[in-house]
Amino acid sequence: MTKTELIKKVADDTGLAVTQVKKTVESLLLIMTQTLSNSDEICIQNFGTLRPWLQNGRMARNPKTGVAVKISPRVSVKFRPGKALLNELNK
């Protein structure tokens, strides 16, 4: 599902205008991005937890050329699904 499809589905389910839903979804994504950028986790009850984590730098190899390449440390995000989400997925 794309962001556009999500916006349309929420608009259909709630009866709100697509423009209102679009603003809401974009605001939600912005707030989530800012929160994760501040090294804070996001816990959405019955859905899951998003947690930023630092990946260490490492040496890798370009599979095409075989040349060694250094990958810099970076922040990534881990998602841990909540119990209710797992139960729904595994009915």
Protein backbone atom coordinates (compact mmCIF):
# COMPACT_ATOMS: atom_id res chain seq x y z
CA MET A 1 0.00 0.00 0.00
CA THR A 2 1.35 3.40 -0.95
CA LYS A 3 0.89 6.63 0.99
CA THR A 4 -1.69 7.80 -1.56
CA GLU A 5 -3.65 4.56 -1.21
CA LEU A 6 -3.51 4.84 2.57
CA ILE A 7 -4.83 8.41 2.46
CA LYS A 8 -7.70 7.41 0.16
CA LYS A 9 -8.59 4.39 2.33
CA VAL A 10 -8.63 6.49 5.54
CA ALA A 11 -10.72 9.15 3.80
CA ASP A 12 -13.19 6.51 2.64
CA ASP A 13 -13.36 4.87 6.09
CA THR A 14 -13.79 8.12 8.04
CA GLY A 15 -15.79 10.22 5.60
CA LEU A 16 -13.24 13.04 5.90
CA ALA A 17 -11.99 14.98 2.89
CA VAL A 18 -8.89 13.59 1.19
CA THR A 19 -7.10 16.91 1.74
CA GLN A 20 -7.74 16.75 5.50
CA VAL A 21 -6.53 13.18 5.70
CA LYS A 22 -3.46 14.00 3.59
CA LYS A 23 -2.48 16.83 5.96
CA THR A 24 -3.02 14.54 8.96
CA VAL A 25 -0.97 11.66 7.55
CA GLU A 26 1.86 13.97 6.47
CA SER A 27 1.87 15.60 9.91
CA LEU A 28 1.96 12.18 11.59
CA LEU A 29 4.89 11.06 9.43
CA LEU A 30 6.76 14.31 10.10
CA ILE A 31 6.28 13.99 13.86
CA MET A 32 7.39 10.33 13.76
CA THR A 33 10.50 11.26 11.74
CA GLN A 34 11.40 14.05 14.15
CA THR A 35 10.89 11.78 17.14
CA LEU A 36 13.12 9.06 15.71
CA SER A 37 15.70 11.70 14.72
CA ASN A 38 15.89 12.72 18.38
CA SER A 39 16.79 9.09 19.28
CA ASP A 40 13.39 8.57 20.92
CA GLU A 41 11.29 5.49 20.32
CA ILE A 42 7.67 5.43 19.20
CA CYS A 43 5.38 2.96 20.91
CA ILE A 44 1.91 2.54 19.43
CA GLN A 45 -0.09 0.27 21.71
CA ASN A 46 -1.44 -2.88 20.03
CA PHE A 47 0.58 -2.10 16.89
CA GLY A 48 4.29 -2.01 17.69
CA THR A 49 7.41 -0.07 18.59
CA LEU A 50 9.79 1.82 16.31
CA ARG A 51 13.26 2.25 17.82
CA PRO A 52 16.29 3.99 16.28
CA TRP A 53 19.60 2.14 16.57
CA LEU A 54 23.16 2.82 15.51
CA GLN A 55 24.63 0.45 12.94
CA ASN A 56 28.39 0.20 13.32
CA GLY A 57 30.65 1.03 10.41
CA ARG A 58 32.10 -2.00 8.64
CA MET A 59 34.02 -3.14 5.63
CA ALA A 60 32.03 -4.67 2.78
CA ARG A 61 32.76 -5.84 -0.72
CA ASN A 62 31.25 -4.64 -3.98
CA PRO A 63 29.89 -7.90 -5.41
CA LYS A 64 30.33 -6.71 -8.99
CA THR A 65 33.97 -5.60 -8.80
CA GLY A 66 35.20 -7.30 -5.63
CA VAL A 67 36.61 -3.99 -4.36
CA ALA A 68 36.50 -3.48 -0.57
CA VAL A 69 34.27 -0.59 0.49
CA LYS A 70 33.94 1.06 3.90
CA ILE A 71 30.35 1.51 5.07
CA SER A 72 30.05 4.42 7.50
CA PRO A 73 28.14 4.11 10.77
CA ARG A 74 24.51 5.15 10.42
CA VAL A 75 21.25 5.25 12.30
CA SER A 76 18.55 2.84 11.22
CA VAL A 77 15.14 1.89 12.63
CA LYS A 78 13.96 -1.41 14.09
CA PHE A 79 10.29 -2.33 14.30
CA ARG A 80 9.00 -4.71 16.93
CA PRO A 81 5.39 -5.70 16.30
CA GLY A 82 2.91 -5.60 19.17
CA LYS A 83 1.07 -8.65 20.46
CA ALA A 84 -2.29 -7.62 18.96
CA LEU A 85 -0.70 -7.11 15.52
CA LEU A 86 1.02 -10.49 15.66
CA ASN A 87 -2.20 -12.17 16.74
CA GLU A 88 -4.09 -10.56 13.85
CA LEU A 89 -1.43 -11.62 11.34
CA ASN A 90 -1.37 -15.21 12.63
CA LYS A 91 -5.09 -15.97 12.85
